[in-house]
Protein backbone atom coordinates (compact mmCIF):
# COMPACT_ATOMS: atom_id res chain seq x y z
CA MET A 1 79.77 72.61 82.56
CA THR A 2 78.82 69.82 84.97
CA ILE A 3 80.76 67.64 87.37
CA SER A 4 82.71 64.81 85.77
CA LYS A 5 82.89 61.41 87.44
CA THR A 6 84.70 59.62 84.61
CA HIS A 7 87.49 61.71 83.07
CA LYS A 8 90.64 61.03 85.07
CA GLY A 9 92.64 64.11 84.12
CA PRO A 10 96.39 64.57 83.61
CA LEU A 11 97.09 64.56 87.36
CA ALA A 12 95.25 61.29 88.02
CA GLY A 13 97.29 59.19 90.45
CA ILE A 14 98.74 62.20 92.24
CA ARG A 15 97.64 62.35 95.87
CA VAL A 16 97.83 65.69 97.69
CA LEU A 17 97.60 66.24 101.44
CA ASP A 18 96.26 69.77 101.82
CA PHE A 19 96.92 71.60 105.10
CA THR A 20 95.93 74.98 103.66
CA ARG A 21 93.09 77.32 104.49
CA VAL A 22 91.65 80.71 103.55
CA VAL A 23 92.52 81.56 99.88
CA ALA A 24 96.01 81.06 98.42
CA GLY A 25 96.51 77.39 99.32
CA PRO A 26 92.92 76.27 98.73
CA TYR A 27 92.83 77.92 95.29
CA CYS A 28 96.06 76.10 94.39
CA THR A 29 94.77 72.69 95.45
CA MET A 30 91.40 73.33 93.78
CA MET A 31 93.22 73.75 90.47
CA LEU A 32 95.18 70.54 91.02
CA GLY A 33 91.96 68.73 91.91
CA ASP A 34 90.18 69.99 88.80
CA PHE A 35 92.91 68.31 86.73
CA GLY A 36 92.60 64.95 88.43
CA ALA A 37 94.72 65.01 91.58
CA GLU A 38 93.14 63.51 94.70
CA ILE A 39 93.02 66.37 97.20
CA ILE A 40 92.66 65.42 100.86
CA LYS A 41 91.94 68.58 102.83
CA VAL A 42 93.06 68.28 106.45
CA GLU A 43 90.93 70.36 108.83
CA ASP A 44 90.62 70.94 112.54
CA PRO A 45 87.54 69.10 113.84
CA ASN A 46 86.52 72.28 115.69
CA GLY A 47 85.16 74.30 112.80
CA GLY A 48 87.70 73.47 110.11
CA ASP A 49 88.97 76.02 107.61
CA GLU A 50 88.01 79.44 109.01
CA LEU A 51 86.73 80.38 105.57
CA ARG A 52 83.74 78.10 106.18
CA SER A 53 82.30 80.63 108.63
CA LEU A 54 83.39 83.82 106.86
CA GLY A 55 80.16 85.45 105.80
CA PRO A 56 77.51 86.37 104.95
CA PRO A 57 76.61 85.40 102.34
CA PHE A 58 76.06 81.74 103.14
CA LEU A 59 74.49 78.97 101.10
CA GLY A 60 73.01 76.45 103.48
CA THR A 61 75.74 75.62 105.98
CA GLU A 62 78.71 77.07 104.12
CA SER A 63 80.17 80.47 103.31
CA VAL A 64 80.08 81.34 99.61
CA PHE A 65 83.73 82.33 100.00
CA PHE A 66 84.62 78.79 101.14
CA LEU A 67 82.60 77.22 98.33
CA SER A 68 84.43 79.33 95.74
CA VAL A 69 87.88 77.83 96.38
CA ASN A 70 87.29 74.28 97.68
CA ARG A 71 85.67 72.14 95.02
CA SER A 72 87.26 68.91 93.72
CA LYS A 73 88.46 67.98 97.23
CA LYS A 74 87.81 65.60 100.10
CA SER A 75 87.82 66.69 103.75
CA VAL A 76 89.18 64.82 106.76
CA THR A 77 89.32 66.15 110.30
CA ILE A 78 92.42 65.49 112.38
CA ASP A 79 93.34 66.71 115.85
CA LEU A 80 97.07 67.22 115.47
CA LYS A 81 97.53 67.13 119.24
CA ASP A 82 96.02 63.64 119.55
CA ALA A 83 98.49 60.73 119.33
CA GLU A 84 96.16 58.33 117.51
CA SER A 85 95.13 61.01 115.03
CA LYS A 86 98.78 61.87 114.48
CA LYS A 87 99.50 58.24 113.67
CA ALA A 88 96.72 58.21 111.09
CA LEU A 89 98.16 61.36 109.60
CA ILE A 90 101.65 59.86 109.30
CA ASP A 91 100.15 56.88 107.50
CA LEU A 92 98.52 59.28 105.07
CA ILE A 93 101.80 61.11 104.51
CA LEU A 94 103.43 57.81 103.53
CA SER A 95 100.83 57.48 100.78
CA VAL A 96 100.86 60.96 99.25
CA ASP A 97 102.87 62.60 96.49
CA VAL A 98 102.46 66.20 97.59
CA LEU A 99 101.97 68.00 100.89
CA ILE A 100 101.02 71.67 100.84
CA GLU A 101 100.67 73.97 103.85
CA ASN A 102 100.27 77.68 104.55
CA PHE A 103 100.81 77.93 108.30
CA ARG A 104 103.14 80.59 109.63
CA PRO A 105 106.79 79.48 109.43
CA GLY A 106 107.71 77.15 112.28
CA VAL A 107 104.25 75.70 112.93
CA MET A 108 104.76 72.51 110.93
CA LYS A 109 108.16 71.96 112.57
CA ARG A 110 106.61 72.25 116.05
CA LEU A 111 104.04 69.67 114.99
CA GLY A 112 106.81 67.30 113.89
CA LEU A 113 105.73 67.72 110.26
CA SER A 114 108.63 69.67 108.76
CA TYR A 115 109.97 68.77 105.33
CA GLU A 116 113.22 67.57 106.90
CA ALA A 117 111.32 65.12 109.11
CA LEU A 118 108.85 63.90 106.50
CA ARG A 119 111.27 63.38 103.62
CA LYS A 120 112.98 60.71 105.75
CA LEU A 121 109.68 58.83 105.81
CA ASN A 122 108.74 59.56 102.19
CA PRO A 123 111.74 60.59 100.01
CA ARG A 124 109.44 61.13 97.01
CA LEU A 125 107.39 63.71 98.89
CA ILE A 126 106.97 67.12 97.26
CA TYR A 127 106.45 69.61 100.07
CA CYS A 128 105.09 73.08 99.27
CA SER A 129 104.97 75.89 101.83
CA ILE A 130 103.07 79.11 101.16
CA SER A 131 103.85 81.98 103.52
CA ALA A 132 103.44 85.73 103.65
CA PHE A 133 107.20 86.32 103.42
CA ASP A 134 110.15 84.08 102.72
CA GLU A 135 110.81 82.26 105.98
CA ARG A 136 114.55 83.04 105.75
CA SER A 137 113.93 86.80 105.79
CA SER A 138 113.71 89.18 108.75
CA TYR A 139 109.95 89.38 108.02
CA GLY A 140 109.63 85.59 107.98
CA ASP A 141 107.53 85.26 111.14
CA ARG A 142 105.14 88.12 110.38
CA PRO A 143 101.49 87.36 109.71
CA GLY A 144 100.37 88.44 106.28
CA TYR A 145 97.15 88.77 104.32
CA ASP A 146 96.39 89.90 100.79
CA LEU A 147 95.72 93.51 101.83
CA LEU A 148 98.94 93.83 103.84
CA ILE A 149 101.09 92.41 101.06
CA SER A 150 99.33 94.56 98.45
CA GLY A 151 100.62 97.53 100.39
CA MET A 152 104.09 96.28 101.32
CA SER A 153 104.94 95.01 97.83
CA GLY A 154 104.26 98.33 96.11
CA LEU A 155 101.24 96.99 94.21
CA GLN A 156 98.79 99.22 96.06
CA SER A 157 100.93 102.32 95.52
CA ILE A 158 100.20 102.28 91.77
CA SER A 159 96.48 101.43 92.06
CA GLY A 160 93.89 104.19 92.19
CA GLU A 161 93.92 107.87 91.29
CA PRO A 162 96.61 110.46 92.11
CA GLY A 163 95.84 112.43 95.24
CA ARG A 164 93.44 109.81 96.60
CA THR A 165 93.85 106.79 98.86
CA PRO A 166 95.85 103.99 97.18
CA LEU A 167 93.56 101.12 96.24
CA ARG A 168 93.95 97.41 96.77
CA PRO A 169 92.98 95.47 93.61
CA GLY A 170 89.32 94.48 93.65
CA VAL A 171 90.05 90.76 94.04
CA ASN A 172 92.54 88.78 96.15
CA LEU A 173 95.18 89.24 93.46
CA VAL A 174 98.12 88.60 95.81
CA ASP A 175 96.58 85.38 97.14
CA LEU A 176 95.64 84.10 93.70
CA THR A 177 99.09 84.87 92.32
CA ALA A 178 100.67 82.87 95.14
CA ALA A 179 98.23 80.04 94.38
CA ASN A 180 99.28 79.94 90.74
CA ASN A 181 102.97 80.10 91.66
CA ALA A 182 102.52 77.20 94.08
CA ALA A 183 100.68 75.10 91.50
CA LEU A 184 103.37 75.78 88.92
CA GLY A 185 106.11 74.88 91.41
CA ILE A 186 104.36 71.62 92.29
CA LEU A 187 103.98 70.64 88.64
CA MET A 188 107.66 71.36 87.94
CA ALA A 189 108.66 69.28 90.97
CA ILE A 190 106.52 66.39 89.73
CA ILE A 191 108.30 66.54 86.37
CA ALA A 192 111.72 66.68 88.06
CA ARG A 193 110.81 63.66 90.19
CA GLN A 194 110.21 61.57 87.06
CA SER A 195 113.95 61.52 86.40
CA SER A 196 115.38 61.91 89.91
CA GLY A 197 112.93 59.78 91.86
CA GLN A 198 113.17 62.34 94.66
CA GLY A 199 110.81 64.94 96.00
CA GLN A 200 111.83 68.45 97.01
CA LYS A 201 110.80 71.51 99.02
CA ILE A 202 108.96 74.40 97.37
CA ASN A 203 108.72 77.81 99.01
CA VAL A 204 106.23 80.38 97.74
CA SER A 205 105.60 83.71 99.42
CA LEU A 206 102.84 86.24 98.86
CA MET A 207 105.36 89.08 99.00
CA ASP A 208 107.66 87.67 96.31
CA GLY A 209 104.77 86.91 93.96
CA ALA A 210 103.23 90.35 94.42
CA PHE A 211 106.51 92.12 93.70
CA ALA A 212 107.08 89.97 90.61
CA LEU A 213 103.63 91.06 89.38
CA LEU A 214 104.92 94.62 89.15
CA GLY A 215 106.94 93.55 86.11
CA GLN A 216 107.75 96.51 83.88
CA VAL A 217 106.61 98.98 86.56
CA ALA A 218 109.31 97.72 88.92
CA ALA A 219 111.79 97.69 86.05
CA VAL A 220 111.20 101.40 85.49
CA TYR A 221 112.41 102.24 88.99
CA LEU A 222 115.17 99.63 89.05
CA ASN A 223 116.70 100.96 85.84
CA THR A 224 115.90 104.68 85.90
CA GLY A 225 115.42 105.55 89.56
CA LYS A 226 112.03 107.07 88.73
CA VAL A 227 109.30 106.01 91.16
CA PRO A 228 106.09 105.05 89.29
CA GLN A 229 103.00 106.93 90.44
CA ARG A 230 99.28 106.37 90.27
CA ARG A 231 97.66 107.62 87.07
CA MET A 232 94.27 109.08 86.19
CA PRO A 233 91.73 106.60 84.76
CA GLU A 234 91.85 108.25 81.33
CA ASP A 235 95.65 108.08 81.26
CA LEU A 236 96.76 104.66 82.48
CA HIS A 237 99.90 104.06 80.42
CA SER A 238 103.00 106.25 80.37
CA GLN A 239 104.00 105.11 76.87
CA ILE A 240 100.62 105.01 75.11
CA VAL A 241 97.93 107.68 74.58
CA PRO A 242 94.97 107.17 74.46
CA TYR A 243 95.01 104.25 76.87
CA GLY A 244 92.43 104.43 79.62
CA THR A 245 88.90 104.42 80.95
CA PHE A 246 86.45 107.02 79.70
CA LEU A 247 82.99 108.14 80.80
CA THR A 248 80.25 108.19 78.17
CA LYS A 249 76.97 110.06 77.71
CA ASP A 250 74.93 107.47 79.65
CA LYS A 251 77.29 107.64 82.68
CA ARG A 252 78.89 104.30 81.85
CA TYR A 253 82.53 103.52 81.22
CA LEU A 254 84.54 102.04 78.38
CA ASN A 255 88.18 101.11 77.94
CA VAL A 256 90.17 101.90 74.83
CA THR A 257 93.80 101.52 73.80
CA VAL A 258 95.50 103.04 70.76
CA PRO A 259 99.02 101.52 70.76
CA ASN A 260 100.27 102.59 67.30
CA ASN A 261 99.61 104.81 64.29
CA LYS A 262 97.52 102.19 62.49
CA PHE A 263 95.08 102.11 65.38
CA TRP A 264 95.30 105.88 65.75
CA ALA A 265 93.96 106.39 62.23
CA SER A 266 91.17 103.89 62.90
CA PHE A 267 90.40 105.54 66.24
CA CYS A 268 90.07 108.97 64.66
CA LYS A 269 87.73 107.54 62.02
CA ALA A 270 85.58 105.80 64.64
CA LEU A 271 85.21 109.07 66.57
CA ASN A 272 84.49 110.96 63.34
CA ARG A 273 87.52 113.12 63.94
CA VAL A 274 89.66 112.21 60.95
CA GLU A 275 91.35 115.63 61.15
CA TRP A 276 93.16 114.41 64.27
CA THR A 277 95.01 111.80 62.19
CA ASN A 278 97.45 114.29 60.71
CA ASP A 279 97.31 116.93 63.43
CA PRO A 280 100.98 117.76 64.08
CA ARG A 281 100.35 117.52 67.84
CA PHE A 282 99.21 113.90 67.53
CA ILE A 283 100.77 112.54 64.35
CA THR A 284 103.08 110.06 66.14
CA ASN A 285 102.91 108.26 69.45
CA ALA A 286 105.77 110.41 70.75
CA LYS A 287 103.83 113.55 69.79
CA ARG A 288 100.69 112.20 71.45
CA ILE A 289 102.67 111.58 74.63
CA SER A 290 104.10 115.12 74.52
CA ASN A 291 100.59 116.53 74.15
CA ARG A 292 98.78 113.94 76.25
CA ALA A 293 96.84 116.40 78.45
CA ARG A 294 95.29 118.14 75.44
CA LEU A 295 94.55 114.88 73.64
CA ILE A 296 92.94 113.26 76.67
CA ASP A 297 90.77 116.33 77.16
CA LEU A 298 89.57 116.18 73.53
CA VAL A 299 88.91 112.43 73.66
CA SER A 300 87.09 112.66 77.01
CA LYS A 301 84.75 115.35 75.70
CA ARG A 302 84.05 113.38 72.54
CA PHE A 303 83.16 110.19 74.40
CA LYS A 304 80.64 112.12 76.51
CA GLN A 305 78.66 112.91 73.36
CA GLU A 306 77.39 109.37 72.80
CA THR A 307 76.41 106.25 74.81
CA ARG A 308 78.85 103.53 75.80
CA ASN A 309 77.47 100.76 73.60
CA LYS A 310 77.27 102.95 70.52
CA TRP A 311 80.89 104.00 70.98
CA ILE A 312 81.99 100.40 71.38
CA ASP A 313 80.13 99.46 68.21
CA HIS A 314 81.89 102.27 66.31
CA LEU A 315 85.30 101.38 67.73
CA LEU A 316 85.05 97.65 67.08
CA ALA A 317 83.68 98.27 63.58
CA ASN A 318 86.95 100.09 62.92
CA ASP A 319 89.04 97.36 64.58
CA VAL A 320 90.02 99.58 67.53
CA PRO A 321 90.77 97.66 70.76
CA ALA A 322 87.89 98.70 73.02
CA GLY A 323 85.40 97.23 75.45
CA PRO A 324 82.94 98.02 78.21
CA VAL A 325 83.70 98.25 81.92
CA ASN A 326 81.14 95.62 82.86
CA THR A 327 79.59 95.08 86.25
CA ILE A 328 79.61 91.43 87.40
CA ASP A 329 75.97 90.92 86.38
CA GLU A 330 76.73 92.32 82.91
CA VAL A 331 79.61 89.86 82.48
CA VAL A 332 77.39 86.91 83.39
CA LYS A 333 74.47 88.06 81.20
CA ASP A 334 76.69 88.84 78.20
CA GLY A 335 76.65 85.21 77.06
CA TYR A 336 80.38 84.71 76.56
CA LEU A 337 80.82 82.72 79.78
CA ASP A 338 78.09 80.28 78.73
CA GLU A 339 79.59 79.92 75.26
CA VAL A 340 82.98 78.83 76.57
CA GLY A 341 81.81 76.86 79.61
CA MET A 342 83.16 79.21 82.26
CA LEU A 343 80.25 78.63 84.64
CA VAL A 344 79.81 75.37 86.53
CA ARG A 345 76.73 74.30 88.49
CA LEU A 346 77.28 71.93 91.42
CA LYS A 347 74.86 69.91 93.53
CA HIS A 348 75.99 70.36 97.14
CA PRO A 349 74.54 68.06 99.84
CA THR A 350 73.67 70.92 102.24
CA CYS A 351 73.86 74.07 100.11
CA GLY A 352 71.75 72.99 97.14
CA ASP A 353 72.72 74.32 93.71
CA VAL A 354 76.01 76.23 93.71
CA VAL A 355 77.23 78.13 90.64
CA LEU A 356 80.95 78.95 90.41
CA PRO A 357 83.51 80.17 87.88
CA SER A 358 84.83 77.14 86.01
CA ILE A 359 88.32 76.14 84.82
CA PRO A 360 90.19 78.79 82.80
CA ILE A 361 92.87 76.42 81.41
CA ARG A 362 91.90 74.28 78.43
CA LEU A 363 93.88 71.19 77.42
CA SER A 364 92.79 69.61 74.14
CA LYS A 365 93.51 65.98 75.10
CA THR A 366 93.39 65.93 78.90
CA PRO A 367 91.06 68.74 79.92
CA GLY A 368 90.24 69.58 83.50
CA LYS A 369 86.86 68.74 84.97
CA VAL A 370 85.15 69.72 88.19
CA ARG A 371 85.12 66.43 90.08
CA LEU A 372 83.50 67.04 93.45
CA PRO A 373 81.47 69.78 95.12
CA PRO A 374 83.19 71.55 98.04
CA PRO A 375 83.29 69.02 100.90
CA GLY A 376 81.49 69.14 104.20
CA LEU A 377 83.73 69.25 107.26
CA GLY A 378 85.13 65.74 107.80
CA GLN A 379 82.94 64.32 105.04
CA HIS A 380 85.65 61.87 103.96
CA ASN A 381 87.00 60.71 107.33
CA SER A 382 86.62 57.14 106.11
CA ILE A 383 89.97 57.72 104.37
CA LEU A 384 91.60 57.63 107.81
CA LYS A 385 90.05 54.24 108.56
CA GLN A 386 91.50 52.87 105.35
CA ARG A 387 95.02 53.92 106.24
CA LYS A 388 96.40 50.41 106.61
CA SER A 389 95.60 49.67 103.00
CA VAL A 390 97.28 52.82 101.74
CA THR A 391 100.33 52.92 104.04
CA LYS A 392 103.48 53.11 101.99
CA ARG A 393 101.46 53.17 98.79
CA LYS A 394 103.82 53.46 95.88
CA SER A 395 103.16 56.70 93.99
CA THR A 396 101.69 55.90 90.61
CA SER A 397 103.30 56.98 87.36
CA GLN A 398 105.19 60.01 88.75
C-alpha cells in the first residue's frame, strides 16, 4: 500500500485539532486521518510530542515509536503561554469540528481551553478528552500509563502463568483500546451532530476501557463471586479443553482450540489418536473439563513427538482450529500481510523509507488511505498564518 493523495475518504471535510501525545490520543487521530479527516497536531515548540525522542531505535531524526502512531497528520507548534500564539489557536478552534486532548484533568481549563469555554465560541465543536481515570472519580487527578492501568484494572492479574509475576500484555493494549473508544465516540458524536447541529463532550478513560476489555472474565466474578486466576499456557480456557499453547518437538509453539465434539473427533484423528474420541474420560466437553489435567498431559506429550509445522499441517487438514505462535519476523515473512495490504511504505523527508502496519478496517466504497507521512515538528506552521481565511469556517457536510 502506498500513500494516497487523491482519495478523499469518508471523513473528508472533518477538521481535527489534536492536542494529544504519546500513544492513545495519537493512535486515535491517526485512524481518523487515514479515513480523510484533516488532523492538525498541536505541539510545544520545545521538542514537541515527547514520543519523538523516545528511543532508540530512531530513523533519521525521529523515534520509530513516534512514526508508528503519527502518520496522516500535520504538525503546528504553539506556545500556549504566548498571547499571539493563543490568538492563532483560538482562530483555529473556530474552524475545527473536533478537538481531542489527553492532558491530565484540569490542564485545559487552566489554559482557558475547557469544553465549557470553547463551546461558547464554537457550538458545533466535538470535544474529546482521554484521561487515565474518569475525571469525576477520586482517582481523577492521578497520572496513568498503560502499565499502571493494566495492573489497576485487573487485566494484568489474569495474564501470565500461575505462581509467576503477572504479565502486562505485550503491546500497549490499554492505550490502543482507549484510542479505539475515543475514535468510536467521535464518530457517534459526528452522526448525532447531523440532526442536532450541536457538538458535545466525550470522556474516555484508560481505566474504564481496560476493565471493559475483561468482558466475560469480569462477568464470572460479578455473577459468581469467583475470582478468575492466571492459567497455564496449555490450559487457557476454563470451559474448553484442549485450548492452549503447546510446545512441539522443534522447541516451537502452536495454538489449538477444540470447542466442541465435532472438532474433538477431528483433533483425535489429526493426532492419530482416534481411540480418544470415545474414551469415557473425554467423550464430552464436560468430561474433558473434569479430566483436564490428564488430557492436557496426554496432548502435551503427543505434540512433543513432531515438529510445529507438521502438526499444523495435520490439524488444518482435518479442519481443526490451529496455528503457529509466530515471532514478528515470521508474521512479516509469511506473506499474508502483503496479500491483504497490511504493510505501508512511506517516504519521510528526514527518515527515508518508513514501513508501518497499514489500516485494518476495510470499507468497500470509501476505504481508508495513508495520506501523509508522520510530520516533522512544526512542519505545517503555515496553517497558523492562514488563520484569517479559516476563522469561523463553516463545518462542511457534518
